[in-house]
Protein backbone atom coordinates (compact mmCIF):
# COMPACT_ATOMS: atom_id res chain seq x y z
CA MET A 1 98.63 48.52 139.33
CA ARG A 2 100.73 51.69 139.48
CA SER A 3 99.11 55.09 139.32
CA GLY A 4 99.26 57.08 136.10
CA ASN A 5 101.08 60.06 137.62
CA GLN A 6 104.13 58.05 138.66
CA SER A 7 107.48 59.82 138.43
CA LEU A 8 110.81 58.37 137.37
CA LEU A 9 111.82 57.95 141.00
CA GLU A 10 109.01 55.55 141.77
CA GLY A 11 110.13 52.06 140.99
CA ASP A 12 110.50 50.04 137.82
CA MET A 13 108.47 51.35 134.91
CA GLU A 14 107.99 50.56 131.26
CA ASN A 15 110.34 51.74 128.56
CA PHE A 16 110.18 54.99 126.66
CA ILE A 17 109.39 54.87 122.97
CA LEU A 18 111.69 57.07 120.87
CA LEU A 19 109.81 57.91 117.67
CA GLY A 20 112.81 59.18 115.69
CA THR A 21 111.77 58.92 112.04
CA SER A 22 108.92 56.44 112.60
CA ASP A 23 106.57 58.94 110.95
CA ARG A 24 108.96 59.09 107.95
CA PRO A 25 109.99 55.45 107.35
CA TRP A 26 111.58 56.32 104.00
CA LEU A 27 114.20 58.32 105.95
CA GLU A 28 115.37 55.46 108.16
CA LEU A 29 117.84 53.76 105.81
CA PRO A 30 119.57 56.92 104.51
CA LEU A 31 119.65 58.36 108.04
CA PHE A 32 121.17 55.12 109.37
CA MET A 33 123.91 55.20 106.72
CA ILE A 34 124.65 58.90 107.29
CA LEU A 35 124.83 58.43 111.07
CA LEU A 36 127.02 55.33 110.77
CA VAL A 37 129.52 57.02 108.46
CA SER A 38 129.47 60.19 110.58
CA TYR A 39 130.07 58.23 113.78
CA ILE A 40 133.01 56.34 112.27
CA LEU A 41 134.53 59.61 111.04
CA ASP A 42 133.85 61.18 114.43
CA ILE A 43 135.71 58.38 116.24
CA LEU A 44 138.65 58.41 113.84
CA GLY A 45 138.94 62.20 113.71
CA ASN A 46 138.64 62.93 117.41
CA ILE A 47 140.84 60.03 118.54
CA SER A 48 143.48 61.24 116.06
CA ILE A 49 143.39 64.76 117.52
CA VAL A 50 143.64 63.45 121.11
CA LEU A 51 146.54 61.10 120.31
CA VAL A 52 148.48 63.59 118.21
CA SER A 53 148.08 66.30 120.88
CA GLN A 54 149.48 63.92 123.48
CA LEU A 55 152.30 62.42 121.40
CA ASP A 56 153.65 65.34 119.39
CA ALA A 57 156.11 67.57 121.24
CA GLN A 58 155.17 70.57 119.10
CA LEU A 59 151.51 70.48 120.17
CA GLN A 60 151.98 71.14 123.89
CA SER A 61 150.79 74.75 123.97
CA PRO A 62 147.56 75.67 125.83
CA MET A 63 145.64 75.89 122.55
CA TYR A 64 146.24 72.20 121.86
CA ILE A 65 145.62 71.16 125.45
CA PHE A 66 142.14 72.65 125.11
CA LEU A 67 141.71 71.20 121.63
CA SER A 68 142.46 67.68 122.87
CA HIS A 69 139.87 68.08 125.63
CA LEU A 70 137.35 69.35 123.07
CA SER A 71 137.97 66.29 120.91
CA PHE A 72 137.63 63.96 123.90
CA LEU A 73 134.36 65.71 124.81
CA ASP A 74 133.05 65.34 121.25
CA LEU A 75 133.93 61.65 121.26
CA CYS A 76 132.04 61.07 124.53
CA TYR A 77 129.20 63.36 123.43
CA THR A 78 128.40 61.36 120.30
CA THR A 79 128.89 58.00 122.05
CA THR A 80 126.21 59.00 124.56
CA THR A 81 123.51 59.11 121.87
CA VAL A 82 124.56 57.76 118.48
CA PRO A 83 124.83 54.00 119.25
CA GLN A 84 121.28 54.09 120.65
CA ILE A 85 120.02 56.05 117.63
CA LEU A 86 121.70 53.60 115.23
CA PHE A 87 120.15 50.62 117.04
CA ASN A 88 116.67 52.17 117.04
CA THR A 89 116.93 53.33 113.42
CA GLY A 90 118.24 49.99 112.15
CA THR A 91 115.65 47.80 113.92
CA SER A 92 111.92 47.79 114.60
CA LYS A 93 112.61 48.28 118.33
CA LYS A 94 112.36 51.97 119.20
CA THR A 95 112.63 51.83 122.98
CA ILE A 96 115.00 52.88 125.74
CA SER A 97 114.72 51.95 129.41
CA TYR A 98 113.99 54.56 132.08
CA GLY A 99 117.43 54.05 133.56
CA GLY A 100 119.07 54.29 130.15
CA CYS A 101 117.10 57.43 129.33
CA THR A 102 118.07 59.11 132.62
CA VAL A 103 121.75 58.25 132.16
CA GLN A 104 121.58 59.46 128.56
CA TYR A 105 120.21 62.93 129.26
CA ALA A 106 122.42 63.27 132.36
CA MET A 107 125.56 62.52 130.33
CA PHE A 108 124.33 64.54 127.34
CA HIS A 109 123.83 67.68 129.43
CA TRP A 110 127.03 67.19 131.42
CA LEU A 111 129.12 66.91 128.26
CA GLY A 112 127.18 69.61 126.38
CA CYS A 113 127.57 72.20 129.15
CA THR A 114 131.23 71.27 129.58
CA GLU A 115 131.76 71.84 125.86
CA CYS A 116 130.13 75.28 126.09
CA LEU A 117 132.66 76.24 128.77
CA VAL A 118 135.64 74.67 126.96
CA LEU A 119 134.81 76.72 123.84
CA ALA A 120 134.73 79.86 126.01
CA VAL A 121 138.10 78.97 127.56
CA MET A 122 139.53 78.46 124.06
CA ALA A 123 138.32 81.95 123.10
CA LEU A 124 140.01 83.34 126.22
CA ASP A 125 143.21 81.56 125.21
CA ARG A 126 143.08 83.14 121.73
CA TYR A 127 142.45 86.56 123.31
CA VAL A 128 145.57 86.29 125.48
CA ALA A 129 147.66 84.91 122.59
CA ILE A 130 146.77 87.78 120.25
CA CYS A 131 146.20 90.71 122.63
CA GLU A 132 148.94 89.87 125.15
CA PRO A 133 151.51 87.89 123.08
CA LEU A 134 154.53 88.81 125.22
CA ARG A 135 152.83 87.68 128.42
CA TYR A 136 151.06 84.65 126.92
CA ALA A 137 153.41 82.00 128.33
CA ILE A 138 153.28 83.60 131.79
CA ILE A 139 149.49 83.99 131.90
CA MET A 140 148.45 80.71 130.25
CA HIS A 141 150.77 78.44 132.20
CA ARG A 142 150.08 74.71 132.39
CA SER A 143 148.64 74.75 135.93
CA LEU A 144 146.10 77.42 134.97
CA CYS A 145 145.09 75.47 131.85
CA GLN A 146 144.59 72.28 133.85
CA GLY A 147 142.61 74.22 136.47
CA LEU A 148 140.37 75.78 133.81
CA VAL A 149 139.71 72.38 132.26
CA ALA A 150 138.84 70.91 135.68
CA VAL A 151 136.43 73.78 136.38
CA THR A 152 134.63 73.21 133.07
CA TRP A 153 134.10 69.50 133.82
CA ILE A 154 132.97 70.08 137.42
CA SER A 155 130.63 72.94 136.44
CA GLY A 156 129.08 70.88 133.66
CA PHE A 157 128.51 68.01 136.09
CA GLY A 158 126.86 70.35 138.60
CA ASN A 159 124.44 71.61 135.95
CA SER A 160 123.60 68.08 134.87
CA LEU A 161 123.01 66.97 138.47
CA ILE A 162 120.51 69.78 139.07
CA GLN A 163 118.65 68.98 135.86
CA VAL A 164 118.48 65.26 136.62
CA VAL A 165 117.24 65.76 140.19
CA LEU A 166 114.42 68.04 139.00
CA THR A 167 113.51 66.03 135.90
CA VAL A 168 113.23 62.58 137.48
CA GLN A 169 110.62 63.91 139.91
CA LEU A 170 108.20 64.99 137.17
CA PRO A 171 105.02 62.85 136.97
CA LEU A 172 104.47 61.51 133.47
CA CYS A 173 100.82 60.34 133.80
CA GLY A 174 101.44 57.33 131.61
CA HIS A 175 103.10 59.30 128.80
CA ARG A 176 105.77 57.09 127.25
CA VAL A 177 106.29 58.39 123.70
CA LEU A 178 109.17 60.80 123.05
CA ASN A 179 109.11 62.48 119.67
CA ASN A 180 112.90 62.55 119.58
CA PHE A 181 115.93 60.48 118.61
CA PHE A 182 117.28 60.41 122.17
CA CYS A 183 116.45 61.62 125.68
CA GLU A 184 117.16 65.24 126.60
CA VAL A 185 115.74 67.54 129.25
CA PRO A 186 113.39 69.80 127.18
CA ALA A 187 111.72 66.72 125.65
CA MET A 188 111.32 65.15 129.11
CA ILE A 189 109.80 68.32 130.56
CA LYS A 190 107.43 68.49 127.59
CA LEU A 191 106.32 64.93 128.40
CA SER A 192 105.20 65.79 131.95
CA CYS A 193 101.52 66.24 132.80
CA VAL A 194 101.90 68.79 135.65
CA ASP A 195 102.95 72.40 136.01
CA THR A 196 106.65 72.56 135.06
CA SER A 197 107.31 76.22 135.87
CA VAL A 198 110.07 75.32 138.35
CA ASN A 199 111.81 73.17 135.72
CA ASP A 200 111.31 75.84 133.05
CA THR A 201 112.76 78.56 135.29
CA THR A 202 115.70 76.43 136.40
CA LEU A 203 116.46 75.45 132.81
CA ALA A 204 116.30 79.11 131.74
CA VAL A 205 118.71 80.17 134.50
CA LEU A 206 121.14 77.37 133.72
CA VAL A 207 120.93 78.11 129.99
CA GLY A 208 121.85 81.68 130.82
CA LEU A 209 124.86 80.51 132.84
CA PHE A 210 126.11 77.74 130.58
CA LEU A 211 125.00 78.77 127.07
CA ILE A 212 124.44 82.52 126.83
CA GLY A 213 127.13 83.40 129.39
CA PRO A 214 129.98 81.56 127.63
CA LEU A 215 128.74 82.78 124.23
CA THR A 216 128.84 86.38 125.49
CA LEU A 217 132.41 85.84 126.73
CA ILE A 218 133.38 84.38 123.34
CA LEU A 219 131.88 87.33 121.44
CA LEU A 220 133.56 89.88 123.73
CA SER A 221 136.90 88.09 123.34
CA TYR A 222 136.62 88.29 119.57
CA VAL A 223 135.68 91.96 119.66
CA PHE A 224 138.99 92.68 121.44
CA ILE A 225 140.81 90.23 119.15
CA ALA A 226 139.46 91.98 116.05
CA ARG A 227 140.57 95.37 117.39
CA ALA A 228 144.05 94.01 118.10
CA VAL A 229 144.34 92.33 114.69
CA LEU A 230 143.28 95.45 112.82
CA ARG A 231 146.15 97.34 114.49
CA ILE A 232 148.69 94.89 113.02
CA GLN A 233 150.54 96.64 110.20
CA SER A 234 151.49 93.57 108.18
CA SER A 235 148.77 91.97 106.04
CA LYS A 236 150.53 88.62 106.49
CA GLY A 237 150.36 89.06 110.27
CA ARG A 238 146.66 89.89 110.10
CA ARG A 239 145.93 86.81 107.97
CA LYS A 240 147.86 84.59 110.39
CA ALA A 241 146.02 86.00 113.40
CA PHE A 242 142.61 85.61 111.77
CA GLY A 243 143.59 82.13 110.60
CA THR A 244 144.24 80.95 114.17
CA CYS A 245 140.76 82.10 115.20
CA SER A 246 138.65 81.15 112.18
CA SER A 247 138.48 77.43 113.01
CA HIS A 248 137.30 78.18 116.52
CA LEU A 249 134.66 80.62 115.27
CA ILE A 250 133.28 78.05 112.82
CA VAL A 251 133.06 75.42 115.59
CA VAL A 252 131.38 77.91 117.95
CA SER A 253 128.78 78.78 115.30
CA LEU A 254 128.01 75.13 114.51
CA PHE A 255 127.62 74.26 118.19
CA TYR A 256 125.91 77.32 119.66
CA LEU A 257 123.35 78.27 117.00
CA PRO A 258 121.39 74.97 117.10
CA GLY A 259 121.76 74.85 120.90
CA LEU A 260 120.29 78.32 121.26
CA TYR A 261 117.26 77.31 119.20
CA VAL A 262 116.55 74.26 121.37
CA TYR A 263 117.31 75.63 124.82
CA VAL A 264 116.51 79.35 124.79
CA GLN A 265 112.79 78.83 124.18
CA PRO A 266 110.70 77.52 127.12
CA PRO A 267 110.21 73.72 127.04
CA SER A 268 106.43 74.26 127.14
CA SER A 269 106.64 75.86 123.67
CA TYR A 270 109.32 73.47 122.41
CA SER A 271 108.51 72.00 118.98
CA GLN A 272 109.74 68.42 119.20
CA ASP A 273 109.31 67.74 115.47
CA ARG A 274 111.74 70.51 114.50
CA GLY A 275 113.84 70.25 117.64
CA LYS A 276 114.70 66.57 117.21
CA PHE A 277 116.43 67.18 113.87
CA ILE A 278 118.26 70.24 115.22
CA SER A 279 119.37 68.20 118.26
CA LEU A 280 120.60 65.53 115.87
CA PHE A 281 122.69 68.15 114.08
CA TYR A 282 124.61 69.42 117.10
CA SER A 283 124.89 65.99 118.71
CA ILE A 284 126.52 64.25 115.71
CA VAL A 285 127.23 66.57 112.76
CA THR A 286 129.10 69.25 114.73
CA PRO A 287 131.34 66.84 116.71
CA THR A 288 132.13 64.98 113.46
CA LEU A 289 133.11 68.16 111.63
CA ASN A 290 135.20 69.65 114.46
CA PRO A 291 138.42 67.60 113.98
CA PHE A 292 138.32 68.15 110.21
CA ILE A 293 137.79 71.90 110.63
CA TYR A 294 140.78 72.16 112.96
CA THR A 295 142.94 69.81 110.87
CA LEU A 296 142.26 71.34 107.47
CA ARG A 297 142.75 74.91 108.69
CA ASN A 298 145.71 74.36 111.02
CA LYS A 299 149.24 73.77 109.67
CA ASP A 300 150.55 72.61 113.08
CA VAL A 301 147.94 69.86 113.41
CA LYS A 302 148.41 68.76 109.79
CA GLY A 303 152.16 68.67 110.31
CA ALA A 304 151.81 66.67 113.53
CA LEU A 305 149.49 64.16 111.85
CA ARG A 306 151.97 63.78 108.99
CA ARG A 307 154.85 63.19 111.41
CA GLN A 308 152.91 60.55 113.36
CA LEU A 309 151.83 58.76 110.17
CA GLU A 310 155.44 58.75 108.92
CA ARG A 311 156.56 57.32 112.28
CA ILE A 312 153.94 54.54 112.09
CA TRP A 313 154.98 53.82 108.49
CA ARG A 314 158.66 53.51 109.47
CA ILE A 315 157.80 51.21 112.39
CA GLY A 316 155.61 49.03 110.17
CA ARG A 317 158.21 48.56 107.45
């Protein structure tokens, strides 16, 4: 028989139990329907943005390069968790294997941290476009954009790797029940039965680098953007400048505010009952809304979608 303080690294172990809404069974059916519809909309919306950004010649500026990567991230982000949540919510089986759980929180943190950095890069792009319009094409050239995107993916992977290496070594002392919809690092740390100060400190440092750091850069960018916009004499020019930034600001707010609640507090004081619903919000609701926010508030994207639909219609006739 294996000892009770076995860590994830030590051989084959039993599955985790993901409670989800087991304590609120009346929520399971409506939650399943909401998640299913949201996931379908998420797939359709984000795939549309990615395809249109690649196919339409008028959407080849840096802004849309970053937007297509954001949509691809959102698509992967939801696919990491939502199919498992749908399966667990729609059946009596509420389990996930140790391997599946480890892969899930590794991918979830890789994609989440990458998205934090991509949103910061998008803010930097808007800063250059509005504050340095004459030099925009020179500064934000294609090679730089591709390099920035590569750095975001590699940095996010590095953060995830550190978190996984530290988390899988935590002894669980037979604890198998996660009061969450999916596996993520704070919930796993909370499950451990030993001193987790090293994990808490590492998580706090990485949160500072990948959550608070990019958010600070975004806020500073928009301070300079606001100053530049207010110096524009034409009210039409000011509205256009604010319009190009408003979608990004809405997305930043929807993504960062729930993330700050979950990750800024130490895992030892993490309230799983509240945290699991907040995690559900930024893991499915925000990625689902993103393509609609950008589409509804962006004439270029709406025009590109219309052109592609007209092309498909002509081909199909």
